[in-house]
Amino acid sequence: MSGTLNKVMLIGHLGDEVKMHYFEGGNSIGRFPIATNETYTNKQTGEKVTNTDWHNVVVRNKAAEICEKYLSKGDKVYVEGRLKNRQWQGEDGNTRYTTEVHVQDFTFLSTKKESMANAQSRPQQETQAPKPVSQQPTQAKAVEDDDDLPF
């Protein structure tokens, strides 16, 4: 294969509000962090461990304005783009480096309010008696399960 590929796909929660920067000529950039989690059970202790990774996300122009308008801290979002490395001179004179995800496509998955409402309703559903499961799953049920995919 002679080509290369630089592609990132993330599903995570916003860690802060979208910060906008406007430039001459009408261009703009929106920046926000996204948190992704990895959860596993420690085999030795049996405890549940969650590791969080933070990703710096950059959105440009009209997409940035849409993100600023509709996204807020805690919202779940799918972003697709490419990794870019950037360096700059800090105020202290040291050279700083960062890796950013430059977004090419995005989908809003849920708001923080929806996520909290779902989390509150789950314990109530679990305490109710379980519904009997049919031995013969229907085709309609399989189609409904596919609707949960963000893409």
N, C-alpha and C. Protein backbone atom coordinates (compact mmCIF):
# COMPACT_ATOMS: atom_id res chain seq x y z
N MET A 1 0.85 -1.18 0.00
CA MET A 1 0.00 0.00 0.00
C MET A 1 0.89 1.23 0.00
N SER A 2 0.70 2.07 -0.96
CA SER A 2 1.58 3.24 -1.08
C SER A 2 1.03 4.48 -0.39
N GLY A 3 -0.25 4.49 -0.07
CA GLY A 3 -0.85 5.67 0.55
C GLY A 3 -0.73 5.64 2.05
N THR A 4 -1.15 6.71 2.66
CA THR A 4 -1.19 6.79 4.13
C THR A 4 -2.59 7.18 4.55
N LEU A 5 -2.86 7.03 5.82
CA LEU A 5 -4.18 7.36 6.35
C LEU A 5 -4.04 8.06 7.69
N ASN A 6 -4.73 9.15 7.85
CA ASN A 6 -4.77 9.89 9.10
C ASN A 6 -6.24 10.13 9.41
N LYS A 7 -6.85 9.25 10.19
CA LYS A 7 -8.28 9.34 10.46
C LYS A 7 -8.54 9.00 11.92
N VAL A 8 -9.39 9.80 12.56
CA VAL A 8 -9.75 9.61 13.95
C VAL A 8 -11.26 9.63 14.06
N MET A 9 -11.81 8.69 14.84
CA MET A 9 -13.24 8.68 15.15
C MET A 9 -13.37 8.57 16.66
N LEU A 10 -14.08 9.51 17.26
CA LEU A 10 -14.26 9.53 18.71
C LEU A 10 -15.73 9.68 19.07
N ILE A 11 -16.14 8.98 20.11
CA ILE A 11 -17.43 9.21 20.74
C ILE A 11 -17.12 9.51 22.20
N GLY A 12 -17.51 10.69 22.63
CA GLY A 12 -17.20 11.08 24.00
C GLY A 12 -18.05 12.24 24.46
N HIS A 13 -17.76 12.70 25.66
CA HIS A 13 -18.50 13.81 26.27
C HIS A 13 -17.65 15.07 26.29
N LEU A 14 -18.29 16.21 26.02
CA LEU A 14 -17.59 17.48 26.08
C LEU A 14 -17.16 17.77 27.51
N GLY A 15 -15.90 18.19 27.66
CA GLY A 15 -15.39 18.52 28.99
C GLY A 15 -15.53 19.98 29.33
N ASP A 16 -15.93 20.79 28.34
CA ASP A 16 -16.06 22.23 28.56
C ASP A 16 -16.91 22.80 27.43
N GLU A 17 -17.27 24.06 27.56
CA GLU A 17 -18.02 24.73 26.50
C GLU A 17 -17.12 24.95 25.30
N VAL A 18 -17.72 25.17 24.13
CA VAL A 18 -16.97 25.45 22.90
C VAL A 18 -16.41 26.86 23.00
N LYS A 19 -15.10 26.99 22.84
CA LYS A 19 -14.44 28.31 22.87
C LYS A 19 -14.22 28.75 21.42
N MET A 20 -14.77 29.91 21.07
CA MET A 20 -14.70 30.40 19.71
C MET A 20 -13.61 31.46 19.56
N HIS A 21 -12.96 31.45 18.39
CA HIS A 21 -11.98 32.46 18.01
C HIS A 21 -12.36 32.93 16.61
N TYR A 22 -12.49 34.25 16.45
CA TYR A 22 -12.89 34.81 15.15
C TYR A 22 -11.71 35.54 14.52
N PHE A 23 -11.62 35.46 13.19
CA PHE A 23 -10.53 36.06 12.46
C PHE A 23 -11.07 37.03 11.41
N GLU A 24 -10.17 37.87 10.90
CA GLU A 24 -10.56 38.78 9.81
C GLU A 24 -10.98 37.95 8.61
N GLY A 25 -11.95 38.44 7.86
CA GLY A 25 -12.43 37.71 6.70
C GLY A 25 -13.60 36.79 7.03
N GLY A 26 -14.02 36.76 8.29
CA GLY A 26 -15.19 35.97 8.67
C GLY A 26 -14.91 34.53 9.07
N ASN A 27 -13.66 34.08 9.03
CA ASN A 27 -13.35 32.72 9.44
C ASN A 27 -13.37 32.60 10.96
N SER A 28 -13.63 31.37 11.44
CA SER A 28 -13.66 31.15 12.88
C SER A 28 -13.19 29.73 13.18
N ILE A 29 -12.77 29.55 14.43
CA ILE A 29 -12.35 28.24 14.93
C ILE A 29 -13.01 28.03 16.28
N GLY A 30 -13.54 26.83 16.48
CA GLY A 30 -14.09 26.44 17.77
C GLY A 30 -13.21 25.35 18.36
N ARG A 31 -12.93 25.44 19.64
CA ARG A 31 -12.10 24.44 20.32
C ARG A 31 -12.84 23.93 21.55
N PHE A 32 -12.76 22.61 21.77
CA PHE A 32 -13.33 22.03 22.97
C PHE A 32 -12.69 20.67 23.25
N PRO A 33 -12.64 20.27 24.52
CA PRO A 33 -12.09 18.96 24.86
C PRO A 33 -13.19 17.90 24.87
N ILE A 34 -12.82 16.69 24.46
CA ILE A 34 -13.73 15.53 24.54
C ILE A 34 -13.07 14.48 25.42
N ALA A 35 -13.85 13.90 26.32
CA ALA A 35 -13.36 12.83 27.18
C ALA A 35 -13.88 11.49 26.67
N THR A 36 -12.97 10.52 26.53
CA THR A 36 -13.36 9.15 26.21
C THR A 36 -12.92 8.28 27.38
N ASN A 37 -13.71 7.25 27.68
CA ASN A 37 -13.43 6.39 28.83
C ASN A 37 -13.19 4.96 28.42
N GLU A 38 -12.30 4.30 29.14
CA GLU A 38 -12.07 2.87 29.01
C GLU A 38 -12.33 2.28 30.39
N THR A 39 -13.22 1.30 30.46
CA THR A 39 -13.56 0.70 31.74
C THR A 39 -13.26 -0.80 31.68
N TYR A 40 -12.61 -1.29 32.72
CA TYR A 40 -12.32 -2.71 32.81
C TYR A 40 -12.29 -3.12 34.28
N THR A 41 -12.29 -4.42 34.51
CA THR A 41 -12.22 -4.94 35.87
C THR A 41 -10.82 -5.47 36.13
N ASN A 42 -10.20 -4.99 37.20
CA ASN A 42 -8.88 -5.45 37.59
C ASN A 42 -8.99 -6.90 38.04
N LYS A 43 -8.28 -7.80 37.38
CA LYS A 43 -8.39 -9.23 37.68
C LYS A 43 -7.86 -9.58 39.06
N GLN A 44 -6.89 -8.82 39.55
CA GLN A 44 -6.30 -9.14 40.86
C GLN A 44 -7.17 -8.66 42.00
N THR A 45 -7.72 -7.44 41.89
CA THR A 45 -8.51 -6.88 43.00
C THR A 45 -10.00 -7.02 42.78
N GLY A 46 -10.44 -7.21 41.53
CA GLY A 46 -11.86 -7.33 41.24
C GLY A 46 -12.57 -5.99 41.16
N GLU A 47 -11.84 -4.90 41.34
CA GLU A 47 -12.49 -3.59 41.30
C GLU A 47 -12.60 -3.07 39.87
N LYS A 48 -13.61 -2.26 39.65
CA LYS A 48 -13.84 -1.66 38.35
C LYS A 48 -12.95 -0.43 38.20
N VAL A 49 -12.20 -0.36 37.10
CA VAL A 49 -11.27 0.74 36.86
C VAL A 49 -11.69 1.48 35.60
N THR A 50 -11.72 2.81 35.68
CA THR A 50 -12.06 3.64 34.52
C THR A 50 -10.89 4.59 34.24
N ASN A 51 -10.41 4.55 33.01
CA ASN A 51 -9.36 5.47 32.56
C ASN A 51 -9.98 6.45 31.58
N THR A 52 -9.72 7.72 31.78
CA THR A 52 -10.26 8.77 30.90
C THR A 52 -9.12 9.39 30.10
N ASP A 53 -9.35 9.49 28.79
CA ASP A 53 -8.41 10.19 27.91
C ASP A 53 -9.09 11.47 27.43
N TRP A 54 -8.30 12.55 27.36
CA TRP A 54 -8.81 13.84 26.89
C TRP A 54 -8.25 14.14 25.51
N HIS A 55 -9.10 14.64 24.62
CA HIS A 55 -8.72 14.94 23.25
C HIS A 55 -9.08 16.40 22.95
N ASN A 56 -8.13 17.13 22.37
CA ASN A 56 -8.37 18.52 21.97
C ASN A 56 -8.98 18.52 20.57
N VAL A 57 -10.17 19.10 20.45
CA VAL A 57 -10.92 19.07 19.20
C VAL A 57 -10.99 20.48 18.61
N VAL A 58 -10.79 20.58 17.29
CA VAL A 58 -10.84 21.85 16.58
C VAL A 58 -11.87 21.74 15.45
N VAL A 59 -12.79 22.69 15.41
CA VAL A 59 -13.81 22.75 14.36
C VAL A 59 -13.71 24.13 13.71
N ARG A 60 -13.93 24.19 12.41
CA ARG A 60 -13.74 25.46 11.68
C ARG A 60 -15.04 26.02 11.12
N ASN A 61 -15.08 27.34 11.01
CA ASN A 61 -16.09 28.13 10.30
C ASN A 61 -17.52 27.77 10.69
N LYS A 62 -18.38 27.45 9.72
CA LYS A 62 -19.80 27.22 9.99
C LYS A 62 -20.01 26.07 10.97
N ALA A 63 -19.22 25.00 10.83
CA ALA A 63 -19.32 23.87 11.75
C ALA A 63 -19.03 24.31 13.19
N ALA A 64 -18.07 25.21 13.36
CA ALA A 64 -17.73 25.72 14.69
C ALA A 64 -18.89 26.50 15.28
N GLU A 65 -19.55 27.30 14.46
CA GLU A 65 -20.70 28.08 14.93
C GLU A 65 -21.86 27.17 15.33
N ILE A 66 -22.06 26.08 14.58
CA ILE A 66 -23.12 25.13 14.92
C ILE A 66 -22.80 24.44 16.24
N CYS A 67 -21.55 24.04 16.41
CA CYS A 67 -21.14 23.40 17.67
C CYS A 67 -21.32 24.35 18.85
N GLU A 68 -20.93 25.61 18.67
CA GLU A 68 -21.08 26.59 19.76
C GLU A 68 -22.54 26.75 20.14
N LYS A 69 -23.42 26.75 19.15
CA LYS A 69 -24.84 26.99 19.39
C LYS A 69 -25.51 25.82 20.09
N TYR A 70 -25.16 24.58 19.71
CA TYR A 70 -25.92 23.42 20.16
C TYR A 70 -25.22 22.53 21.18
N LEU A 71 -23.91 22.64 21.33
CA LEU A 71 -23.20 21.78 22.26
C LEU A 71 -22.89 22.51 23.56
N SER A 72 -22.94 21.76 24.65
CA SER A 72 -22.52 22.31 25.93
C SER A 72 -21.82 21.22 26.73
N LYS A 73 -21.18 21.62 27.79
CA LYS A 73 -20.41 20.70 28.62
C LYS A 73 -21.26 19.50 29.03
N GLY A 74 -20.71 18.30 28.85
CA GLY A 74 -21.41 17.08 29.23
C GLY A 74 -22.13 16.40 28.08
N ASP A 75 -22.37 17.10 26.98
CA ASP A 75 -23.07 16.50 25.84
C ASP A 75 -22.21 15.42 25.20
N LYS A 76 -22.89 14.39 24.68
CA LYS A 76 -22.20 13.30 24.00
C LYS A 76 -22.19 13.58 22.50
N VAL A 77 -21.02 13.40 21.87
CA VAL A 77 -20.87 13.75 20.47
C VAL A 77 -19.95 12.75 19.77
N TYR A 78 -20.21 12.53 18.50
CA TYR A 78 -19.34 11.74 17.64
C TYR A 78 -18.60 12.71 16.73
N VAL A 79 -17.27 12.63 16.70
CA VAL A 79 -16.49 13.46 15.79
C VAL A 79 -15.58 12.57 14.96
N GLU A 80 -15.37 13.01 13.73
CA GLU A 80 -14.50 12.30 12.81
C GLU A 80 -13.59 13.33 12.17
N GLY A 81 -12.32 13.02 12.10
CA GLY A 81 -11.39 13.98 11.51
C GLY A 81 -10.00 13.40 11.40
N ARG A 82 -9.01 14.28 11.50
CA ARG A 82 -7.62 13.87 11.37
C ARG A 82 -6.79 14.49 12.48
N LEU A 83 -5.69 13.83 12.82
CA LEU A 83 -4.79 14.34 13.85
C LEU A 83 -3.84 15.37 13.24
N LYS A 84 -3.62 16.45 13.98
CA LYS A 84 -2.67 17.48 13.58
C LYS A 84 -1.82 17.83 14.80
N ASN A 85 -0.53 17.93 14.58
CA ASN A 85 0.39 18.36 15.63
C ASN A 85 0.68 19.84 15.43
N ARG A 86 0.77 20.56 16.53
CA ARG A 86 1.00 22.00 16.46
C ARG A 86 2.00 22.38 17.54
N GLN A 87 2.84 23.36 17.24
CA GLN A 87 3.77 23.87 18.25
C GLN A 87 3.71 25.40 18.26
N TRP A 88 4.00 25.98 19.41
CA TRP A 88 4.01 27.43 19.56
C TRP A 88 4.95 27.80 20.70
N GLN A 89 5.27 29.08 20.76
CA GLN A 89 6.15 29.60 21.80
C GLN A 89 5.30 30.06 22.98
N GLY A 90 5.52 29.49 24.15
CA GLY A 90 4.78 29.88 25.35
C GLY A 90 5.25 31.22 25.88
N GLU A 91 4.48 31.79 26.79
CA GLU A 91 4.83 33.07 27.39
C GLU A 91 6.15 33.01 28.15
N ASP A 92 6.47 31.82 28.64
CA ASP A 92 7.73 31.65 29.37
C ASP A 92 8.92 31.40 28.44
N GLY A 93 8.69 31.42 27.12
CA GLY A 93 9.77 31.24 26.15
C GLY A 93 9.98 29.79 25.73
N ASN A 94 9.33 28.86 26.40
CA ASN A 94 9.48 27.44 26.05
C ASN A 94 8.58 27.09 24.86
N THR A 95 9.04 26.15 24.06
CA THR A 95 8.25 25.66 22.94
C THR A 95 7.23 24.65 23.46
N ARG A 96 5.99 24.83 23.11
CA ARG A 96 4.90 23.95 23.53
C ARG A 96 4.41 23.15 22.33
N TYR A 97 3.92 21.93 22.61
CA TYR A 97 3.41 21.06 21.57
C TYR A 97 2.04 20.54 21.97
N THR A 98 1.19 20.32 20.98
CA THR A 98 -0.11 19.71 21.25
C THR A 98 -0.54 18.91 20.03
N THR A 99 -1.38 17.93 20.27
CA THR A 99 -1.99 17.14 19.20
C THR A 99 -3.49 17.43 19.24
N GLU A 100 -4.06 17.76 18.09
CA GLU A 100 -5.46 18.13 18.00
C GLU A 100 -6.18 17.23 16.99
N VAL A 101 -7.48 17.08 17.19
CA VAL A 101 -8.33 16.40 16.22
C VAL A 101 -9.02 17.50 15.41
N HIS A 102 -8.68 17.62 14.14
CA HIS A 102 -9.33 18.59 13.25
C HIS A 102 -10.54 17.91 12.62
N VAL A 103 -11.73 18.37 13.01
CA VAL A 103 -12.99 17.70 12.68
C VAL A 103 -13.37 17.94 11.22
N GLN A 104 -13.77 16.84 10.57
CA GLN A 104 -14.31 16.91 9.21
C GLN A 104 -15.80 16.58 9.20
N ASP A 105 -16.26 15.82 10.21
CA ASP A 105 -17.66 15.44 10.30
C ASP A 105 -18.00 15.25 11.78
N PHE A 106 -19.24 15.52 12.16
CA PHE A 106 -19.65 15.33 13.55
C PHE A 106 -21.15 15.03 13.61
N THR A 107 -21.55 14.39 14.70
CA THR A 107 -22.96 14.10 14.96
C THR A 107 -23.22 14.31 16.44
N PHE A 108 -24.27 15.05 16.77
CA PHE A 108 -24.67 15.22 18.16
C PHE A 108 -25.42 13.96 18.58
N LEU A 109 -25.01 13.33 19.68
CA LEU A 109 -25.64 12.08 20.10
C LEU A 109 -26.65 12.27 21.21
N SER A 110 -26.30 13.03 22.24
CA SER A 110 -27.26 13.30 23.32
C SER A 110 -26.80 14.53 24.09
N THR A 111 -27.77 15.13 24.72
CA THR A 111 -27.43 16.27 25.57
C THR A 111 -27.15 15.78 26.97
N LYS A 112 -26.56 16.60 27.78
CA LYS A 112 -26.28 16.25 29.17
C LYS A 112 -27.59 15.96 29.90
N LYS A 113 -28.63 16.74 29.60
CA LYS A 113 -29.94 16.53 30.24
C LYS A 113 -30.49 15.15 29.90
N GLU A 114 -30.38 14.73 28.63
CA GLU A 114 -30.86 13.41 28.22
C GLU A 114 -30.07 12.31 28.91
N SER A 115 -28.75 12.48 29.00
CA SER A 115 -27.90 11.48 29.64
C SER A 115 -28.27 11.32 31.11
N MET A 116 -28.51 12.44 31.79
CA MET A 116 -28.86 12.38 33.21
C MET A 116 -30.24 11.76 33.39
N ALA A 117 -31.18 12.06 32.51
CA ALA A 117 -32.53 11.49 32.61
C ALA A 117 -32.47 9.98 32.40
N ASN A 118 -31.67 9.52 31.44
CA ASN A 118 -31.52 8.08 31.21
C ASN A 118 -30.88 7.39 32.40
N ALA A 119 -29.88 8.02 33.00
CA ALA A 119 -29.20 7.43 34.16
C ALA A 119 -30.15 7.32 35.34
N GLN A 120 -31.03 8.29 35.52
CA GLN A 120 -31.98 8.25 36.63
C GLN A 120 -33.08 7.22 36.40
N SER A 121 -33.47 6.99 35.16
CA SER A 121 -34.55 6.04 34.88
C SER A 121 -34.06 4.60 34.87
N ARG A 122 -32.77 4.35 34.67
CA ARG A 122 -32.24 2.98 34.63
C ARG A 122 -32.46 2.22 35.93
N PRO A 123 -32.12 2.78 37.11
CA PRO A 123 -32.31 2.02 38.35
C PRO A 123 -33.78 1.64 38.56
N GLN A 124 -34.71 2.50 38.18
CA GLN A 124 -36.11 2.19 38.33
C GLN A 124 -36.50 1.02 37.44
N GLN A 125 -35.97 0.98 36.21
CA GLN A 125 -36.29 -0.09 35.29
C GLN A 125 -35.72 -1.41 35.79
N GLU A 126 -34.55 -1.40 36.40
CA GLU A 126 -33.92 -2.62 36.87
C GLU A 126 -34.66 -3.21 38.05
N THR A 127 -35.32 -2.40 38.87
CA THR A 127 -36.01 -2.92 40.03
C THR A 127 -37.36 -3.53 39.66
N GLN A 128 -37.90 -3.19 38.49
CA GLN A 128 -39.15 -3.78 38.05
C GLN A 128 -38.90 -5.22 37.64
N ALA A 129 -39.97 -6.03 37.68
CA ALA A 129 -39.86 -7.43 37.28
C ALA A 129 -39.46 -7.51 35.81
N PRO A 130 -38.52 -8.39 35.48
CA PRO A 130 -38.10 -8.50 34.09
C PRO A 130 -39.22 -9.04 33.22
N LYS A 131 -39.31 -8.53 32.01
CA LYS A 131 -40.33 -8.98 31.07
C LYS A 131 -39.88 -10.28 30.43
N PRO A 132 -40.81 -11.20 30.19
CA PRO A 132 -40.42 -12.45 29.55
C PRO A 132 -39.88 -12.20 28.15
N VAL A 133 -38.85 -12.94 27.79
CA VAL A 133 -38.22 -12.79 26.49
C VAL A 133 -38.72 -13.90 25.58
N SER A 134 -39.17 -13.54 24.41
CA SER A 134 -39.64 -14.51 23.44
C SER A 134 -38.47 -15.33 22.92
N GLN A 135 -38.70 -16.61 22.70
CA GLN A 135 -37.67 -17.48 22.17
C GLN A 135 -37.36 -17.19 20.71
N GLN A 136 -38.34 -16.59 20.00
CA GLN A 136 -38.16 -16.30 18.59
C GLN A 136 -38.10 -14.79 18.41
N PRO A 137 -36.87 -14.24 18.29
CA PRO A 137 -36.78 -12.79 18.11
C PRO A 137 -37.37 -12.38 16.77
N THR A 138 -38.01 -11.23 16.78
CA THR A 138 -38.62 -10.74 15.55
C THR A 138 -37.63 -9.88 14.78
N GLN A 139 -37.86 -9.73 13.51
CA GLN A 139 -36.98 -8.91 12.66
C GLN A 139 -37.06 -7.45 13.10
N ALA A 140 -38.23 -7.00 13.53
CA ALA A 140 -38.39 -5.60 13.94
C ALA A 140 -37.48 -5.27 15.13
N LYS A 141 -37.34 -6.20 16.07
CA LYS A 141 -36.49 -5.98 17.23
C LYS A 141 -35.03 -5.80 16.79
N ALA A 142 -34.57 -6.60 15.85
CA ALA A 142 -33.19 -6.48 15.37
C ALA A 142 -32.95 -5.13 14.72
N VAL A 143 -33.94 -4.62 14.01
CA VAL A 143 -33.81 -3.32 13.36
C VAL A 143 -33.73 -2.22 14.40
N GLU A 144 -34.53 -2.32 15.48
CA GLU A 144 -34.50 -1.31 16.54
C GLU A 144 -33.13 -1.24 17.19
N ASP A 145 -32.49 -2.39 17.41
CA ASP A 145 -31.17 -2.41 18.05
C ASP A 145 -30.15 -1.70 17.17
N ASP A 146 -30.26 -1.79 15.85
CA ASP A 146 -29.33 -1.13 14.96
C ASP A 146 -29.47 0.40 15.01
N ASP A 147 -30.63 0.91 15.44
CA ASP A 147 -30.85 2.34 15.47
C ASP A 147 -29.99 3.03 16.53
N ASP A 148 -29.44 2.29 17.48
CA ASP A 148 -28.62 2.91 18.52
C ASP A 148 -27.24 3.29 18.01
N LEU A 149 -26.85 2.81 16.83
CA LEU A 149 -25.53 3.13 16.30
C LEU A 149 -25.47 4.58 15.84
N PRO A 150 -24.37 5.28 16.14
CA PRO A 150 -24.27 6.69 15.77
C PRO A 150 -23.94 6.91 14.29
N PHE A 151 -23.70 5.86 13.53
CA PHE A 151 -23.33 6.04 12.12
C PHE A 151 -24.03 5.06 11.25
